[in-house]
Amino acid sequence: MSKDKLIKLSDEAEVMVLDQLRDYMSEEFELDIGNLPAKFLLDFIIETLSPHLYNQVVDDMEPWLYDRFTGILEDMHSVKKD
């Protein structure tokens, strides 16, 4: 696992997600997993999904940023002195 995770959970959030993950595995698969296997599974999920989620956020932000910076540039040109 890389040291520079794209998604980092707070200790409180990690405990909550691990509890939910253990509950999900129990309810959906009738599989009781302990804390360590749940932590390994969570780390794997985060490591696997983080780059895709990060890239999706960047792609989703691009049109908003384009519009925002275009507006800023238009505002800058409107205050130019002739």
N, C-alpha and C. Protein backbone atom coordinates (compact mmCIF):
# COMPACT_ATOMS: atom_id res chain seq x y z
N MET A 1 0.84 -1.18 0.00
CA MET A 1 0.00 0.00 0.00
C MET A 1 0.88 1.24 0.00
N SER A 2 0.49 2.23 -0.77
CA SER A 2 1.29 3.44 -0.85
C SER A 2 1.09 4.28 0.40
N LYS A 3 2.09 5.09 0.69
CA LYS A 3 2.04 5.94 1.87
C LYS A 3 1.13 7.14 1.66
N ASP A 4 1.04 7.61 0.41
CA ASP A 4 0.25 8.79 0.10
C ASP A 4 -1.12 8.38 -0.43
N LYS A 5 -2.03 8.12 0.49
CA LYS A 5 -3.39 7.74 0.11
C LYS A 5 -4.12 8.97 -0.42
N LEU A 6 -4.93 8.76 -1.44
CA LEU A 6 -5.75 9.85 -1.95
C LEU A 6 -6.92 10.13 -1.03
N ILE A 7 -7.43 9.08 -0.40
CA ILE A 7 -8.55 9.21 0.53
C ILE A 7 -8.07 8.77 1.90
N LYS A 8 -8.17 9.67 2.85
CA LYS A 8 -7.77 9.36 4.23
C LYS A 8 -8.98 9.59 5.12
N LEU A 9 -9.29 8.59 5.91
CA LEU A 9 -10.41 8.69 6.84
C LEU A 9 -9.89 9.09 8.21
N SER A 10 -10.68 9.89 8.91
CA SER A 10 -10.35 10.18 10.30
C SER A 10 -10.52 8.89 11.10
N ASP A 11 -9.95 8.85 12.28
CA ASP A 11 -10.08 7.66 13.12
C ASP A 11 -11.55 7.33 13.38
N GLU A 12 -12.34 8.37 13.66
CA GLU A 12 -13.76 8.17 13.95
C GLU A 12 -14.49 7.63 12.72
N ALA A 13 -14.20 8.20 11.55
CA ALA A 13 -14.85 7.75 10.31
C ALA A 13 -14.45 6.32 9.98
N GLU A 14 -13.18 5.99 10.20
CA GLU A 14 -12.73 4.63 9.92
C GLU A 14 -13.44 3.61 10.81
N VAL A 15 -13.59 3.92 12.09
CA VAL A 15 -14.30 3.02 13.00
C VAL A 15 -15.73 2.82 12.53
N MET A 16 -16.39 3.91 12.13
CA MET A 16 -17.77 3.83 11.66
C MET A 16 -17.87 2.99 10.39
N VAL A 17 -16.96 3.22 9.44
CA VAL A 17 -16.99 2.48 8.18
C VAL A 17 -16.67 1.00 8.42
N LEU A 18 -15.73 0.72 9.28
CA LEU A 18 -15.41 -0.67 9.58
C LEU A 18 -16.60 -1.39 10.21
N ASP A 19 -17.31 -0.70 11.10
CA ASP A 19 -18.52 -1.29 11.69
C ASP A 19 -19.55 -1.58 10.60
N GLN A 20 -19.73 -0.63 9.68
CA GLN A 20 -20.69 -0.82 8.59
C GLN A 20 -20.26 -1.94 7.66
N LEU A 21 -18.99 -2.04 7.40
CA LEU A 21 -18.46 -3.09 6.54
C LEU A 21 -18.67 -4.47 7.17
N ARG A 22 -18.39 -4.59 8.45
CA ARG A 22 -18.62 -5.86 9.14
C ARG A 22 -20.10 -6.22 9.15
N ASP A 23 -20.97 -5.21 9.38
CA ASP A 23 -22.42 -5.45 9.36
C ASP A 23 -22.87 -5.90 7.97
N TYR A 24 -22.36 -5.24 6.95
CA TYR A 24 -22.72 -5.59 5.57
C TYR A 24 -22.31 -7.02 5.24
N MET A 25 -21.09 -7.39 5.58
CA MET A 25 -20.61 -8.74 5.30
C MET A 25 -21.44 -9.78 6.04
N SER A 26 -21.86 -9.44 7.24
CA SER A 26 -22.67 -10.36 8.03
C SER A 26 -24.07 -10.50 7.44
N GLU A 27 -24.70 -9.38 7.10
CA GLU A 27 -26.06 -9.40 6.57
C GLU A 27 -26.15 -9.98 5.17
N GLU A 28 -25.24 -9.59 4.30
CA GLU A 28 -25.33 -9.98 2.89
C GLU A 28 -24.75 -11.37 2.62
N PHE A 29 -23.71 -11.72 3.35
CA PHE A 29 -22.99 -12.96 3.06
C PHE A 29 -22.97 -13.95 4.23
N GLU A 30 -23.62 -13.54 5.33
CA GLU A 30 -23.60 -14.35 6.55
C GLU A 30 -22.17 -14.72 6.91
N LEU A 31 -21.30 -13.74 6.83
CA LEU A 31 -19.88 -13.92 7.09
C LEU A 31 -19.46 -12.94 8.17
N ASP A 32 -19.05 -13.47 9.30
CA ASP A 32 -18.58 -12.62 10.38
C ASP A 32 -17.07 -12.45 10.25
N ILE A 33 -16.67 -11.21 9.97
CA ILE A 33 -15.23 -10.93 9.84
C ILE A 33 -14.82 -10.08 11.04
N GLY A 34 -13.60 -10.24 11.44
CA GLY A 34 -13.07 -9.50 12.57
C GLY A 34 -12.55 -8.13 12.15
N ASN A 35 -11.97 -7.45 13.11
CA ASN A 35 -11.46 -6.10 12.87
C ASN A 35 -10.33 -6.08 11.85
N LEU A 36 -9.39 -6.99 11.97
CA LEU A 36 -8.23 -6.98 11.07
C LEU A 36 -8.62 -7.30 9.63
N PRO A 37 -9.40 -8.35 9.37
CA PRO A 37 -9.82 -8.58 7.99
C PRO A 37 -10.66 -7.43 7.43
N ALA A 38 -11.50 -6.82 8.26
CA ALA A 38 -12.29 -5.68 7.82
C ALA A 38 -11.38 -4.51 7.45
N LYS A 39 -10.34 -4.29 8.25
CA LYS A 39 -9.38 -3.20 7.97
C LYS A 39 -8.63 -3.46 6.66
N PHE A 40 -8.20 -4.71 6.45
CA PHE A 40 -7.51 -5.04 5.20
C PHE A 40 -8.43 -4.85 4.00
N LEU A 41 -9.70 -5.25 4.15
CA LEU A 41 -10.66 -5.09 3.06
C LEU A 41 -10.92 -3.61 2.78
N LEU A 42 -11.08 -2.83 3.83
CA LEU A 42 -11.29 -1.39 3.66
C LEU A 42 -10.10 -0.74 2.98
N ASP A 43 -8.90 -1.09 3.43
CA ASP A 43 -7.69 -0.52 2.80
C ASP A 43 -7.62 -0.89 1.32
N PHE A 44 -7.96 -2.13 1.00
CA PHE A 44 -7.96 -2.57 -0.40
C PHE A 44 -8.99 -1.78 -1.21
N ILE A 45 -10.18 -1.62 -0.67
CA ILE A 45 -11.22 -0.88 -1.38
C ILE A 45 -10.80 0.56 -1.61
N ILE A 46 -10.27 1.19 -0.58
CA ILE A 46 -9.83 2.58 -0.71
C ILE A 46 -8.70 2.70 -1.72
N GLU A 47 -7.72 1.81 -1.64
CA GLU A 47 -6.58 1.86 -2.55
C GLU A 47 -7.02 1.63 -3.99
N THR A 48 -7.99 0.75 -4.17
CA THR A 48 -8.46 0.41 -5.51
C THR A 48 -9.35 1.51 -6.10
N LEU A 49 -10.25 2.05 -5.29
CA LEU A 49 -11.21 3.02 -5.79
C LEU A 49 -10.71 4.46 -5.80
N SER A 50 -9.79 4.80 -4.91
CA SER A 50 -9.35 6.19 -4.77
C SER A 50 -8.94 6.85 -6.08
N PRO A 51 -8.08 6.23 -6.89
CA PRO A 51 -7.69 6.91 -8.13
C PRO A 51 -8.88 7.17 -9.06
N HIS A 52 -9.82 6.24 -9.12
CA HIS A 52 -10.99 6.41 -9.99
C HIS A 52 -11.90 7.51 -9.46
N LEU A 53 -12.13 7.52 -8.15
CA LEU A 53 -12.96 8.56 -7.56
C LEU A 53 -12.31 9.93 -7.71
N TYR A 54 -11.02 10.00 -7.46
CA TYR A 54 -10.28 11.26 -7.59
C TYR A 54 -10.39 11.80 -9.01
N ASN A 55 -10.14 10.92 -9.99
CA ASN A 55 -10.20 11.34 -11.39
C ASN A 55 -11.61 11.78 -11.78
N GLN A 56 -12.62 11.10 -11.24
CA GLN A 56 -14.00 11.49 -11.54
C GLN A 56 -14.30 12.88 -10.99
N VAL A 57 -13.81 13.17 -9.79
CA VAL A 57 -14.01 14.50 -9.21
C VAL A 57 -13.32 15.55 -10.07
N VAL A 58 -12.11 15.27 -10.51
CA VAL A 58 -11.39 16.22 -11.37
C VAL A 58 -12.17 16.45 -12.67
N ASP A 59 -12.64 15.37 -13.28
CA ASP A 59 -13.43 15.50 -14.52
C ASP A 59 -14.72 16.28 -14.28
N ASP A 60 -15.37 16.03 -13.15
CA ASP A 60 -16.62 16.73 -12.84
C ASP A 60 -16.39 18.21 -12.56
N MET A 61 -15.24 18.54 -12.02
CA MET A 61 -14.94 19.94 -11.68
C MET A 61 -14.53 20.77 -12.90
N GLU A 62 -14.02 20.11 -13.93
CA GLU A 62 -13.47 20.83 -15.07
C GLU A 62 -14.45 21.83 -15.70
N PRO A 63 -15.68 21.44 -16.01
CA PRO A 63 -16.61 22.43 -16.61
C PRO A 63 -16.91 23.59 -15.67
N TRP A 64 -17.05 23.30 -14.37
CA TRP A 64 -17.33 24.35 -13.41
C TRP A 64 -16.15 25.33 -13.35
N LEU A 65 -14.93 24.78 -13.28
CA LEU A 65 -13.75 25.64 -13.23
C LEU A 65 -13.61 26.46 -14.51
N TYR A 66 -13.88 25.85 -15.64
CA TYR A 66 -13.80 26.57 -16.92
C TYR A 66 -14.75 27.77 -16.90
N ASP A 67 -16.00 27.52 -16.52
CA ASP A 67 -16.98 28.60 -16.46
C ASP A 67 -16.57 29.67 -15.46
N ARG A 68 -16.09 29.24 -14.31
CA ARG A 68 -15.71 30.18 -13.25
C ARG A 68 -14.54 31.07 -13.69
N PHE A 69 -13.50 30.45 -14.24
CA PHE A 69 -12.33 31.23 -14.65
C PHE A 69 -12.63 32.08 -15.88
N THR A 70 -13.48 31.62 -16.75
CA THR A 70 -13.90 32.44 -17.89
C THR A 70 -14.61 33.68 -17.38
N GLY A 71 -15.47 33.53 -16.39
CA GLY A 71 -16.16 34.67 -15.79
C GLY A 71 -15.19 35.64 -15.14
N ILE A 72 -14.20 35.10 -14.46
CA ILE A 72 -13.19 35.96 -13.82
C ILE A 72 -12.41 36.74 -14.87
N LEU A 73 -12.02 36.07 -15.96
CA LEU A 73 -11.29 36.75 -17.02
C LEU A 73 -12.15 37.83 -17.68
N GLU A 74 -13.41 37.55 -17.88
CA GLU A 74 -14.31 38.56 -18.45
C GLU A 74 -14.43 39.75 -17.51
N ASP A 75 -14.53 39.49 -16.21
CA ASP A 75 -14.61 40.57 -15.23
C ASP A 75 -13.33 41.40 -15.25
N MET A 76 -12.18 40.75 -15.38
CA MET A 76 -10.90 41.49 -15.42
C MET A 76 -10.85 42.39 -16.63
N HIS A 77 -11.28 41.89 -17.77
CA HIS A 77 -11.25 42.71 -18.99
C HIS A 77 -12.23 43.86 -18.93
N SER A 78 -13.32 43.71 -18.19
CA SER A 78 -14.30 44.77 -18.11
C SER A 78 -13.81 45.95 -17.28
N VAL A 79 -12.82 45.75 -16.43
CA VAL A 79 -12.31 46.86 -15.61
C VAL A 79 -11.05 47.49 -16.20
N LYS A 80 -10.63 47.04 -17.37
CA LYS A 80 -9.46 47.63 -18.02
C LYS A 80 -9.74 49.07 -18.40
N LYS A 81 -8.74 49.87 -18.29
CA LYS A 81 -8.81 51.28 -18.70
C LYS A 81 -8.43 51.38 -20.16
N ASP A 82 -9.17 52.20 -20.89
CA ASP A 82 -8.87 52.42 -22.32
C ASP A 82 -7.73 53.35 -22.51
